[in-house]
Amino acid sequence: MAAERSVEIEKKFDVEAGTPVPDWTRAPGVASVSEAEERHLDAGYLDTADARLAKFGVAVRRRVGGHDAGWHIKGPLVNGGRVELGWPLTDDVPDELMAEISQWTDERLSPLARIVNDRTAYNLLDENGEVIAEFVNDRVKASDLRRGVDREWCEWEIELGPAAPEDHEAFFAEIEKIALEAGATKPSSASKLARALGR
């Protein structure tokens, strides 16, 4: 089965629990913000015994909940974006996924981390109602399954949508300004998985 393919370009921020969501209509091109959508996401991450995928900046997960439940590969960060591949939700790792990660490893995968995320999502819309970006307010509980360490935190993410402006850097610069003024701080980790593992 062919994978669904997308490129994820996003900006992350650390926030304290309960930090009020800013007025995103201050951002260039954002005419309105959609109603909030609540999602409960439960993801199990897999890697080799020596965490070889993580060393390449690659993540493999099985996630339940949300509109894209299933198996995913999130590739390394390249030119500000990550290629994400997805397959339908099954009990076992899809053969197609294993074939895809063979460029990094052929070793057996085993549980690495579990990340449970209660997410509130909003779409930032242009004057035509098209999605410039998705903003999510995440309350995260993570377990490093190999070290037996649990962590909790809150974060914001802004991911570009189909109607995003061509000048991503200028848009994100304004987003960062608004987020920092609202009380957010720059991210302490590159990804949820990295933070779950204490990196």
N, C-alpha and C. Protein backbone atom coordinates (compact mmCIF):
# COMPACT_ATOMS: atom_id res chain seq x y z
N MET A 1 0.84 -1.19 0.00
CA MET A 1 0.00 0.00 0.00
C MET A 1 0.88 1.25 0.00
N ALA A 2 0.58 2.17 -0.91
CA ALA A 2 1.37 3.39 -1.01
C ALA A 2 1.13 4.28 0.20
N ALA A 3 2.19 4.92 0.64
CA ALA A 3 2.09 5.80 1.81
C ALA A 3 1.51 7.15 1.43
N GLU A 4 0.80 7.75 2.36
CA GLU A 4 0.41 9.15 2.21
C GLU A 4 1.64 9.99 2.55
N ARG A 5 1.92 10.97 1.72
CA ARG A 5 3.14 11.76 1.87
C ARG A 5 2.79 13.23 2.08
N SER A 6 3.44 13.86 3.02
CA SER A 6 3.26 15.29 3.24
C SER A 6 4.58 15.88 3.74
N VAL A 7 4.69 17.20 3.63
CA VAL A 7 5.87 17.90 4.16
C VAL A 7 5.39 18.79 5.29
N GLU A 8 5.96 18.59 6.46
CA GLU A 8 5.57 19.31 7.66
C GLU A 8 6.56 20.44 7.91
N ILE A 9 6.04 21.68 7.87
CA ILE A 9 6.86 22.85 8.17
C ILE A 9 6.19 23.56 9.34
N GLU A 10 6.87 23.60 10.47
CA GLU A 10 6.22 24.09 11.67
C GLU A 10 7.16 24.89 12.55
N LYS A 11 6.57 25.59 13.50
CA LYS A 11 7.29 26.35 14.52
C LYS A 11 6.75 25.92 15.86
N LYS A 12 7.66 25.65 16.81
CA LYS A 12 7.26 25.17 18.13
C LYS A 12 7.66 26.18 19.21
N PHE A 13 6.89 26.16 20.31
CA PHE A 13 7.19 27.00 21.47
C PHE A 13 6.87 26.23 22.73
N ASP A 14 7.65 26.45 23.77
CA ASP A 14 7.31 25.96 25.11
C ASP A 14 6.38 26.98 25.77
N VAL A 15 5.42 26.49 26.54
CA VAL A 15 4.52 27.38 27.29
C VAL A 15 4.21 26.75 28.64
N GLU A 16 3.84 27.60 29.56
CA GLU A 16 3.34 27.12 30.84
C GLU A 16 1.88 26.70 30.67
N ALA A 17 1.44 25.73 31.47
CA ALA A 17 0.04 25.29 31.41
C ALA A 17 -0.89 26.47 31.67
N GLY A 18 -1.93 26.57 30.86
CA GLY A 18 -2.93 27.62 31.06
C GLY A 18 -2.59 28.95 30.43
N THR A 19 -1.48 29.06 29.72
CA THR A 19 -1.14 30.32 29.05
C THR A 19 -2.22 30.65 28.03
N PRO A 20 -2.81 31.86 28.09
CA PRO A 20 -3.88 32.20 27.15
C PRO A 20 -3.39 32.19 25.70
N VAL A 21 -4.22 31.67 24.83
CA VAL A 21 -3.91 31.64 23.40
C VAL A 21 -3.94 33.07 22.85
N PRO A 22 -2.92 33.48 22.10
CA PRO A 22 -2.90 34.85 21.58
C PRO A 22 -3.91 35.07 20.47
N ASP A 23 -4.07 36.32 20.09
CA ASP A 23 -4.94 36.71 18.98
C ASP A 23 -4.16 36.53 17.69
N TRP A 24 -4.38 35.41 17.01
CA TRP A 24 -3.60 35.12 15.81
C TRP A 24 -4.01 35.96 14.61
N THR A 25 -5.10 36.71 14.70
CA THR A 25 -5.45 37.59 13.58
C THR A 25 -4.47 38.76 13.47
N ARG A 26 -3.57 38.88 14.44
CA ARG A 26 -2.49 39.86 14.33
C ARG A 26 -1.43 39.42 13.33
N ALA A 27 -1.41 38.14 13.00
CA ALA A 27 -0.41 37.62 12.06
C ALA A 27 -0.79 38.00 10.63
N PRO A 28 0.19 38.24 9.77
CA PRO A 28 -0.10 38.68 8.40
C PRO A 28 -0.95 37.68 7.63
N GLY A 29 -2.04 38.18 7.05
CA GLY A 29 -2.90 37.36 6.21
C GLY A 29 -3.97 36.61 6.95
N VAL A 30 -3.91 36.56 8.28
CA VAL A 30 -4.89 35.79 9.05
C VAL A 30 -6.12 36.66 9.31
N ALA A 31 -7.23 36.29 8.67
CA ALA A 31 -8.46 37.07 8.80
C ALA A 31 -9.34 36.56 9.93
N SER A 32 -9.25 35.25 10.22
CA SER A 32 -10.09 34.67 11.28
C SER A 32 -9.46 33.38 11.78
N VAL A 33 -9.99 32.91 12.90
CA VAL A 33 -9.52 31.67 13.51
C VAL A 33 -10.72 30.76 13.73
N SER A 34 -10.59 29.50 13.39
CA SER A 34 -11.70 28.56 13.50
C SER A 34 -12.02 28.27 14.96
N GLU A 35 -13.14 27.60 15.16
CA GLU A 35 -13.48 27.10 16.49
C GLU A 35 -12.46 26.03 16.91
N ALA A 36 -12.30 25.87 18.22
CA ALA A 36 -11.36 24.89 18.74
C ALA A 36 -11.85 23.47 18.48
N GLU A 37 -10.92 22.58 18.21
CA GLU A 37 -11.22 21.14 18.05
C GLU A 37 -10.35 20.37 19.02
N GLU A 38 -10.99 19.56 19.88
CA GLU A 38 -10.24 18.79 20.88
C GLU A 38 -9.88 17.42 20.30
N ARG A 39 -8.63 17.00 20.54
CA ARG A 39 -8.15 15.71 20.07
C ARG A 39 -7.37 15.02 21.19
N HIS A 40 -7.54 13.72 21.31
CA HIS A 40 -6.74 12.93 22.25
C HIS A 40 -5.88 11.99 21.43
N LEU A 41 -4.57 12.17 21.50
CA LEU A 41 -3.63 11.43 20.66
C LEU A 41 -2.74 10.56 21.55
N ASP A 42 -2.63 9.30 21.19
CA ASP A 42 -1.83 8.34 21.97
C ASP A 42 -0.88 7.64 21.01
N ALA A 43 0.42 7.94 21.14
CA ALA A 43 1.39 7.45 20.17
C ALA A 43 2.46 6.61 20.85
N GLY A 44 2.76 5.47 20.25
CA GLY A 44 3.89 4.65 20.66
C GLY A 44 4.99 4.76 19.64
N TYR A 45 6.20 5.08 20.10
CA TYR A 45 7.36 5.24 19.21
C TYR A 45 8.26 4.01 19.29
N LEU A 46 8.81 3.62 18.15
CA LEU A 46 9.67 2.45 18.04
C LEU A 46 11.04 2.85 17.51
N ASP A 47 12.04 2.08 17.88
CA ASP A 47 13.38 2.30 17.35
C ASP A 47 14.17 1.01 17.55
N THR A 48 15.38 0.97 17.02
CA THR A 48 16.25 -0.18 17.22
C THR A 48 16.79 -0.15 18.65
N ALA A 49 17.46 -1.21 19.05
CA ALA A 49 17.98 -1.31 20.41
C ALA A 49 18.97 -0.19 20.72
N ASP A 50 19.72 0.25 19.71
CA ASP A 50 20.68 1.33 19.92
C ASP A 50 20.16 2.69 19.44
N ALA A 51 18.83 2.80 19.26
CA ALA A 51 18.17 4.05 18.85
C ALA A 51 18.80 4.64 17.60
N ARG A 52 19.00 3.79 16.62
CA ARG A 52 19.66 4.22 15.38
C ARG A 52 18.82 5.24 14.61
N LEU A 53 17.52 5.05 14.57
CA LEU A 53 16.67 5.99 13.83
C LEU A 53 16.76 7.39 14.43
N ALA A 54 16.71 7.46 15.76
CA ALA A 54 16.79 8.76 16.43
C ALA A 54 18.09 9.47 16.09
N LYS A 55 19.18 8.72 15.91
CA LYS A 55 20.47 9.33 15.58
C LYS A 55 20.43 10.00 14.21
N PHE A 56 19.55 9.51 13.34
CA PHE A 56 19.38 10.13 12.02
C PHE A 56 18.28 11.19 12.02
N GLY A 57 17.66 11.43 13.17
CA GLY A 57 16.56 12.39 13.22
C GLY A 57 15.26 11.86 12.66
N VAL A 58 15.12 10.53 12.68
CA VAL A 58 13.93 9.86 12.13
C VAL A 58 13.10 9.30 13.27
N ALA A 59 11.77 9.40 13.15
CA ALA A 59 10.87 8.84 14.16
C ALA A 59 9.86 7.92 13.48
N VAL A 60 9.60 6.77 14.12
CA VAL A 60 8.56 5.83 13.69
C VAL A 60 7.55 5.72 14.82
N ARG A 61 6.27 5.91 14.49
CA ARG A 61 5.26 5.85 15.55
C ARG A 61 3.99 5.18 15.04
N ARG A 62 3.23 4.68 16.01
CA ARG A 62 1.87 4.19 15.78
C ARG A 62 0.97 5.06 16.64
N ARG A 63 0.09 5.83 16.01
CA ARG A 63 -0.72 6.79 16.78
C ARG A 63 -2.20 6.50 16.62
N VAL A 64 -2.89 6.54 17.75
CA VAL A 64 -4.34 6.38 17.80
C VAL A 64 -4.95 7.73 18.14
N GLY A 65 -6.01 8.10 17.43
CA GLY A 65 -6.67 9.38 17.67
C GLY A 65 -6.31 10.40 16.61
N GLY A 66 -7.21 11.37 16.43
CA GLY A 66 -6.95 12.41 15.44
C GLY A 66 -7.33 11.98 14.04
N HIS A 67 -7.19 12.92 13.11
CA HIS A 67 -7.61 12.66 11.72
C HIS A 67 -6.61 11.81 10.95
N ASP A 68 -5.38 11.66 11.47
CA ASP A 68 -4.36 10.89 10.75
C ASP A 68 -3.85 9.72 11.58
N ALA A 69 -4.76 9.07 12.31
CA ALA A 69 -4.37 7.89 13.08
C ALA A 69 -3.73 6.86 12.16
N GLY A 70 -2.69 6.20 12.66
CA GLY A 70 -2.03 5.19 11.85
C GLY A 70 -0.55 5.13 12.16
N TRP A 71 0.21 4.54 11.23
CA TRP A 71 1.65 4.43 11.33
C TRP A 71 2.29 5.59 10.58
N HIS A 72 3.35 6.16 11.15
CA HIS A 72 4.01 7.29 10.51
C HIS A 72 5.52 7.16 10.59
N ILE A 73 6.17 7.66 9.56
CA ILE A 73 7.60 7.94 9.60
C ILE A 73 7.76 9.45 9.46
N LYS A 74 8.45 10.06 10.41
CA LYS A 74 8.79 11.47 10.30
C LYS A 74 10.28 11.54 10.00
N GLY A 75 10.60 12.07 8.83
CA GLY A 75 11.98 12.10 8.38
C GLY A 75 12.80 13.19 9.05
N PRO A 76 14.09 13.23 8.76
CA PRO A 76 14.95 14.26 9.35
C PRO A 76 14.60 15.64 8.85
N LEU A 77 14.96 16.65 9.63
CA LEU A 77 14.71 18.05 9.26
C LEU A 77 15.63 18.43 8.11
N VAL A 78 15.03 18.86 6.99
CA VAL A 78 15.78 19.27 5.80
C VAL A 78 15.17 20.57 5.28
N ASN A 79 15.97 21.62 5.22
CA ASN A 79 15.52 22.92 4.72
C ASN A 79 14.25 23.39 5.43
N GLY A 80 14.20 23.18 6.74
CA GLY A 80 13.10 23.69 7.54
C GLY A 80 11.86 22.83 7.56
N GLY A 81 11.87 21.68 6.87
CA GLY A 81 10.69 20.83 6.84
C GLY A 81 11.04 19.36 7.02
N ARG A 82 10.03 18.58 7.40
CA ARG A 82 10.20 17.13 7.54
C ARG A 82 9.20 16.43 6.62
N VAL A 83 9.67 15.45 5.87
CA VAL A 83 8.76 14.61 5.08
C VAL A 83 8.13 13.61 6.03
N GLU A 84 6.79 13.51 5.96
CA GLU A 84 6.06 12.56 6.79
C GLU A 84 5.33 11.57 5.88
N LEU A 85 5.52 10.29 6.16
CA LEU A 85 4.83 9.22 5.44
C LEU A 85 3.85 8.55 6.39
N GLY A 86 2.68 8.17 5.87
CA GLY A 86 1.66 7.58 6.73
C GLY A 86 0.98 6.38 6.10
N TRP A 87 0.63 5.41 6.97
CA TRP A 87 -0.11 4.20 6.57
C TRP A 87 -1.28 4.00 7.52
N PRO A 88 -2.30 3.28 7.11
CA PRO A 88 -3.47 3.05 7.99
C PRO A 88 -3.09 2.34 9.28
N LEU A 89 -3.96 2.48 10.26
CA LEU A 89 -3.73 1.89 11.58
C LEU A 89 -3.90 0.37 11.52
N THR A 90 -2.87 -0.35 11.93
CA THR A 90 -2.89 -1.81 12.03
C THR A 90 -2.19 -2.20 13.32
N ASP A 91 -2.31 -3.47 13.71
CA ASP A 91 -1.64 -3.93 14.92
C ASP A 91 -0.13 -4.07 14.72
N ASP A 92 0.26 -4.58 13.55
CA ASP A 92 1.68 -4.84 13.28
C ASP A 92 2.29 -3.76 12.41
N VAL A 93 3.60 -3.64 12.50
CA VAL A 93 4.32 -2.66 11.67
C VAL A 93 4.14 -3.02 10.20
N PRO A 94 3.68 -2.09 9.36
CA PRO A 94 3.50 -2.41 7.93
C PRO A 94 4.83 -2.77 7.26
N ASP A 95 4.78 -3.74 6.37
CA ASP A 95 5.97 -4.12 5.61
C ASP A 95 6.51 -2.93 4.82
N GLU A 96 5.60 -2.10 4.31
CA GLU A 96 6.01 -0.94 3.52
C GLU A 96 6.80 0.05 4.36
N LEU A 97 6.43 0.18 5.63
CA LEU A 97 7.17 1.06 6.53
C LEU A 97 8.58 0.52 6.76
N MET A 98 8.69 -0.79 6.99
CA MET A 98 10.00 -1.39 7.21
C MET A 98 10.88 -1.25 5.97
N ALA A 99 10.28 -1.37 4.80
CA ALA A 99 11.05 -1.18 3.57
C ALA A 99 11.55 0.26 3.46
N GLU A 100 10.71 1.20 3.88
CA GLU A 100 11.07 2.61 3.79
C GLU A 100 12.24 2.96 4.71
N ILE A 101 12.28 2.38 5.91
CA ILE A 101 13.34 2.73 6.85
C ILE A 101 14.62 1.92 6.62
N SER A 102 14.60 1.03 5.62
CA SER A 102 15.79 0.22 5.36
C SER A 102 16.98 1.07 4.94
N GLN A 103 16.73 2.31 4.51
CA GLN A 103 17.84 3.20 4.16
C GLN A 103 18.63 3.61 5.40
N TRP A 104 18.01 3.44 6.58
CA TRP A 104 18.69 3.77 7.82
C TRP A 104 19.06 2.53 8.64
N THR A 105 18.18 1.52 8.61
CA THR A 105 18.45 0.32 9.41
C THR A 105 17.61 -0.85 8.93
N ASP A 106 18.12 -2.05 9.12
CA ASP A 106 17.36 -3.28 8.88
C ASP A 106 17.13 -4.03 10.19
N GLU A 107 17.50 -3.41 11.30
CA GLU A 107 17.39 -4.08 12.59
C GLU A 107 15.94 -4.07 13.10
N ARG A 108 15.68 -4.96 14.03
CA ARG A 108 14.35 -5.09 14.62
C ARG A 108 14.00 -3.83 15.42
N LEU A 109 12.73 -3.43 15.37
CA LEU A 109 12.25 -2.29 16.15
C LEU A 109 11.60 -2.76 17.44
N SER A 110 11.75 -1.97 18.48
CA SER A 110 11.11 -2.27 19.76
C SER A 110 10.64 -0.97 20.40
N PRO A 111 9.74 -1.03 21.40
CA PRO A 111 9.19 0.19 21.99
C PRO A 111 10.28 1.12 22.55
N LEU A 112 10.13 2.40 22.26
CA LEU A 112 11.08 3.42 22.70
C LEU A 112 10.42 4.41 23.67
N ALA A 113 9.24 4.90 23.28
CA ALA A 113 8.57 5.91 24.10
C ALA A 113 7.08 5.90 23.82
N ARG A 114 6.33 6.41 24.78
CA ARG A 114 4.89 6.63 24.59
C ARG A 114 4.60 8.09 24.88
N ILE A 115 3.85 8.72 23.98
CA ILE A 115 3.49 10.13 24.14
C ILE A 115 1.98 10.26 24.02
N VAL A 116 1.35 10.72 25.10
CA VAL A 116 -0.09 10.96 25.13
C VAL A 116 -0.30 12.47 25.14
N ASN A 117 -1.08 12.94 24.19
CA ASN A 117 -1.20 14.38 23.97
C ASN A 117 -2.67 14.79 23.90
N ASP A 118 -3.08 15.64 24.83
CA ASP A 118 -4.41 16.26 24.73
C ASP A 118 -4.24 17.59 24.02
N ARG A 119 -4.79 17.65 22.81
CA ARG A 119 -4.54 18.75 21.88
C ARG A 119 -5.80 19.55 21.63
N THR A 120 -5.64 20.87 21.63
CA THR A 120 -6.69 21.77 21.16
C THR A 120 -6.18 22.43 19.89
N ALA A 121 -6.89 22.23 18.78
CA ALA A 121 -6.43 22.68 17.47
C ALA A 121 -7.33 23.77 16.90
N TYR A 122 -6.69 24.71 16.22
CA TYR A 122 -7.40 25.81 15.55
C TYR A 122 -6.79 25.99 14.16
N ASN A 123 -7.62 26.36 13.19
CA ASN A 123 -7.12 26.74 11.87
C ASN A 123 -7.06 28.26 11.77
N LEU A 124 -5.93 28.76 11.28
CA LEU A 124 -5.79 30.18 11.00
C LEU A 124 -6.16 30.39 9.53
N LEU A 125 -7.18 31.18 9.28
CA LEU A 125 -7.80 31.27 7.96
C LEU A 125 -7.55 32.61 7.30
N ASP A 126 -7.43 32.60 5.96
CA ASP A 126 -7.31 33.86 5.23
C ASP A 126 -8.72 34.40 4.93
N GLU A 127 -8.79 35.48 4.20
CA GLU A 127 -10.08 36.13 3.95
C GLU A 127 -11.02 35.26 3.12
N ASN A 128 -10.48 34.23 2.45
CA ASN A 128 -11.31 33.32 1.66
C ASN A 128 -11.66 32.03 2.42
N GLY A 129 -11.27 32.00 3.69
CA GLY A 129 -11.53 30.81 4.50
C GLY A 129 -10.57 29.67 4.26
N GLU A 130 -9.47 29.93 3.55
CA GLU A 130 -8.46 28.90 3.31
C GLU A 130 -7.48 28.84 4.49
N VAL A 131 -6.91 27.67 4.71
CA VAL A 131 -6.06 27.45 5.88
C VAL A 131 -4.63 27.93 5.62
N ILE A 132 -4.24 28.98 6.33
CA ILE A 132 -2.87 29.46 6.28
C ILE A 132 -1.98 28.57 7.14
N ALA A 133 -2.48 28.20 8.30
CA ALA A 133 -1.71 27.36 9.23
C ALA A 133 -2.66 26.74 10.24
N GLU A 134 -2.19 25.68 10.88
CA GLU A 134 -2.89 25.10 12.01
C GLU A 134 -2.11 25.42 13.28
N PHE A 135 -2.81 25.92 14.27
CA PHE A 135 -2.21 26.16 15.58
C PHE A 135 -2.74 25.13 16.55
N VAL A 136 -1.82 24.51 17.33
CA VAL A 136 -2.26 23.54 18.32
C VAL A 136 -1.66 23.86 19.68
N ASN A 137 -2.48 23.70 20.70
CA ASN A 137 -2.10 23.87 22.09
C ASN A 137 -2.05 22.47 22.69
N ASP A 138 -0.85 21.98 22.99
CA ASP A 138 -0.65 20.58 23.39
C ASP A 138 -0.31 20.46 24.86
N ARG A 139 -1.00 19.52 25.54
CA ARG A 139 -0.67 19.14 26.92
C ARG A 139 -0.17 17.71 26.85
N VAL A 140 1.12 17.53 27.10
CA VAL A 140 1.82 16.29 26.77
C VAL A 140 2.24 15.52 28.02
N LYS A 141 1.99 14.21 28.00
CA LYS A 141 2.52 13.29 29.00
C LYS A 141 3.32 12.23 28.26
N ALA A 142 4.60 12.11 28.59
CA ALA A 142 5.48 11.23 27.85
C ALA A 142 6.20 10.28 28.77
N SER A 143 6.48 9.08 28.25
CA SER A 143 7.23 8.07 29.00
C SER A 143 8.40 7.58 28.15
N ASP A 144 9.60 7.69 28.69
CA ASP A 144 10.77 7.06 28.10
C ASP A 144 10.74 5.61 28.58
N LEU A 145 10.31 4.71 27.71
CA LEU A 145 10.04 3.33 28.12
C LEU A 145 11.31 2.55 28.44
N ARG A 146 12.43 2.97 27.93
CA ARG A 146 13.67 2.22 28.17
C ARG A 146 14.37 2.66 29.46
N ARG A 147 14.13 3.89 29.87
CA ARG A 147 14.74 4.37 31.11
C ARG A 147 13.74 4.45 32.26
N GLY A 148 12.45 4.28 31.94
CA GLY A 148 11.44 4.36 32.98
C GLY A 148 11.25 5.75 33.53
N VAL A 149 11.37 6.77 32.66
CA VAL A 149 11.25 8.17 33.08
C VAL A 149 10.00 8.79 32.46
N ASP A 150 9.18 9.44 33.28
CA ASP A 150 7.98 10.13 32.81
C ASP A 150 8.22 11.64 32.82
N ARG A 151 7.67 12.33 31.84
CA ARG A 151 7.79 13.78 31.75
C ARG A 151 6.46 14.37 31.30
N GLU A 152 6.18 15.60 31.73
CA GLU A 152 4.98 16.34 31.31
C GLU A 152 5.38 17.75 30.94
N TRP A 153 4.72 18.29 29.93
CA TRP A 153 4.94 19.68 29.54
C TRP A 153 3.82 20.16 28.64
N CYS A 154 3.83 21.45 28.35
CA CYS A 154 2.88 22.06 27.42
C CYS A 154 3.67 22.75 26.31
N GLU A 155 3.12 22.75 25.13
CA GLU A 155 3.78 23.44 24.01
C GLU A 155 2.76 23.89 22.99
N TRP A 156 3.16 24.86 22.19
CA TRP A 156 2.38 25.32 21.05
C TRP A 156 3.12 24.95 19.76
N GLU A 157 2.33 24.62 18.74
CA GLU A 157 2.89 24.40 17.41
C GLU A 157 2.06 25.15 16.38
N ILE A 158 2.74 25.71 15.41
CA ILE A 158 2.09 26.30 14.23
C ILE A 158 2.63 25.56 13.02
N GLU A 159 1.75 24.87 12.29
CA GLU A 159 2.16 24.15 11.08
C GLU A 159 1.53 24.80 9.86
N LEU A 160 2.34 25.08 8.85
CA LEU A 160 1.84 25.74 7.65
C LEU A 160 0.82 24.89 6.92
N GLY A 161 -0.21 25.57 6.37
CA GLY A 161 -1.27 24.91 5.63
C GLY A 161 -1.20 25.22 4.15
N PRO A 162 -2.20 24.80 3.38
CA PRO A 162 -2.19 24.97 1.92
C PRO A 162 -2.13 26.42 1.46
N ALA A 163 -2.69 27.35 2.26
CA ALA A 163 -2.72 28.76 1.86
C ALA A 163 -1.61 29.58 2.53
N ALA A 164 -0.57 28.91 2.99
CA ALA A 164 0.53 29.61 3.66
C ALA A 164 1.23 30.55 2.69
N PRO A 165 1.74 31.67 3.19
CA PRO A 165 2.46 32.60 2.31
C PRO A 165 3.77 31.98 1.83
N GLU A 166 4.23 32.43 0.67
CA GLU A 166 5.47 31.89 0.12
C GLU A 166 6.67 32.20 1.01
N ASP A 167 6.66 33.37 1.62
CA ASP A 167 7.77 33.75 2.49
C ASP A 167 7.52 33.19 3.89
N HIS A 168 7.90 31.91 4.08
CA HIS A 168 7.65 31.24 5.35
C HIS A 168 8.40 31.91 6.50
N GLU A 169 9.61 32.34 6.23
CA GLU A 169 10.43 32.91 7.30
C GLU A 169 9.82 34.19 7.85
N ALA A 170 9.31 35.03 6.97
CA ALA A 170 8.69 36.28 7.42
C ALA A 170 7.42 36.00 8.22
N PHE A 171 6.64 35.03 7.76
CA PHE A 171 5.42 34.67 8.48
C PHE A 171 5.75 34.13 9.87
N PHE A 172 6.72 33.21 9.93
CA PHE A 172 7.10 32.64 11.22
C PHE A 172 7.72 33.67 12.15
N ALA A 173 8.39 34.66 11.58
CA ALA A 173 8.96 35.72 12.41
C ALA A 173 7.86 36.49 13.13
N GLU A 174 6.76 36.75 12.45
CA GLU A 174 5.62 37.44 13.07
C GLU A 174 4.93 36.53 14.09
N ILE A 175 4.80 35.26 13.73
CA ILE A 175 4.21 34.28 14.65
C ILE A 175 5.02 34.22 15.94
N GLU A 176 6.35 34.17 15.80
CA GLU A 176 7.20 34.10 16.98
C GLU A 176 7.05 35.33 17.85
N LYS A 177 6.98 36.48 17.23
CA LYS A 177 6.82 37.73 17.98
C LYS A 177 5.53 37.69 18.80
N ILE A 178 4.45 37.27 18.19
CA ILE A 178 3.15 37.20 18.88
C ILE A 178 3.20 36.17 20.00
N ALA A 179 3.78 35.01 19.72
CA ALA A 179 3.83 33.94 20.72
C ALA A 179 4.67 34.35 21.93
N LEU A 180 5.83 34.96 21.69
CA LEU A 180 6.70 35.35 22.80
C LEU A 180 6.05 36.45 23.64
N GLU A 181 5.36 37.38 22.98
CA GLU A 181 4.65 38.42 23.72
C GLU A 181 3.55 37.83 24.60
N ALA A 182 2.98 36.68 24.17
CA ALA A 182 1.90 36.03 24.92
C ALA A 182 2.42 35.20 26.08
N GLY A 183 3.75 35.06 26.18
CA GLY A 183 4.32 34.31 27.31
C GLY A 183 5.00 33.02 26.93
N ALA A 184 5.01 32.66 25.65
CA ALA A 184 5.71 31.45 25.21
C ALA A 184 7.22 31.70 25.22
N THR A 185 7.98 30.62 25.17
CA THR A 185 9.43 30.70 25.05
C THR A 185 9.88 29.79 23.91
N LYS A 186 11.11 29.99 23.47
CA LYS A 186 11.63 29.15 22.40
C LYS A 186 11.74 27.70 22.87
N PRO A 187 11.60 26.74 21.96
CA PRO A 187 11.52 25.33 22.36
C PRO A 187 12.81 24.82 22.96
N SER A 188 12.67 23.99 23.97
CA SER A 188 13.84 23.40 24.63
C SER A 188 14.30 22.13 23.95
N SER A 189 13.46 21.55 23.06
CA SER A 189 13.81 20.34 22.32
C SER A 189 13.30 20.46 20.89
N ALA A 190 13.91 19.68 20.00
CA ALA A 190 13.55 19.76 18.59
C ALA A 190 12.22 19.08 18.28
N SER A 191 11.81 18.12 19.13
CA SER A 191 10.58 17.38 18.87
C SER A 191 10.04 16.83 20.18
N LYS A 192 8.80 16.37 20.15
CA LYS A 192 8.21 15.72 21.33
C LYS A 192 9.00 14.48 21.72
N LEU A 193 9.41 13.70 20.72
CA LEU A 193 10.16 12.48 21.01
C LEU A 193 11.48 12.84 21.70
N ALA A 194 12.18 13.83 21.16
CA ALA A 194 13.46 14.22 21.77
C ALA A 194 13.25 14.64 23.23
N ARG A 195 12.20 15.39 23.48
CA ARG A 195 11.95 15.82 24.85
C ARG A 195 11.55 14.66 25.74
N ALA A 196 10.79 13.72 25.20
CA ALA A 196 10.41 12.53 25.96
C ALA A 196 11.64 11.75 26.40
N LEU A 197 12.70 11.79 25.56
CA LEU A 197 13.93 11.05 25.86
C LEU A 197 14.95 11.90 26.60
N GLY A 198 14.56 13.12 26.98
CA GLY A 198 15.45 13.98 27.74
C GLY A 198 16.52 14.63 26.89
N ARG A 199 16.22 14.87 25.60
CA ARG A 199 17.22 15.46 24.70
C ARG A 199 16.82 16.87 24.27
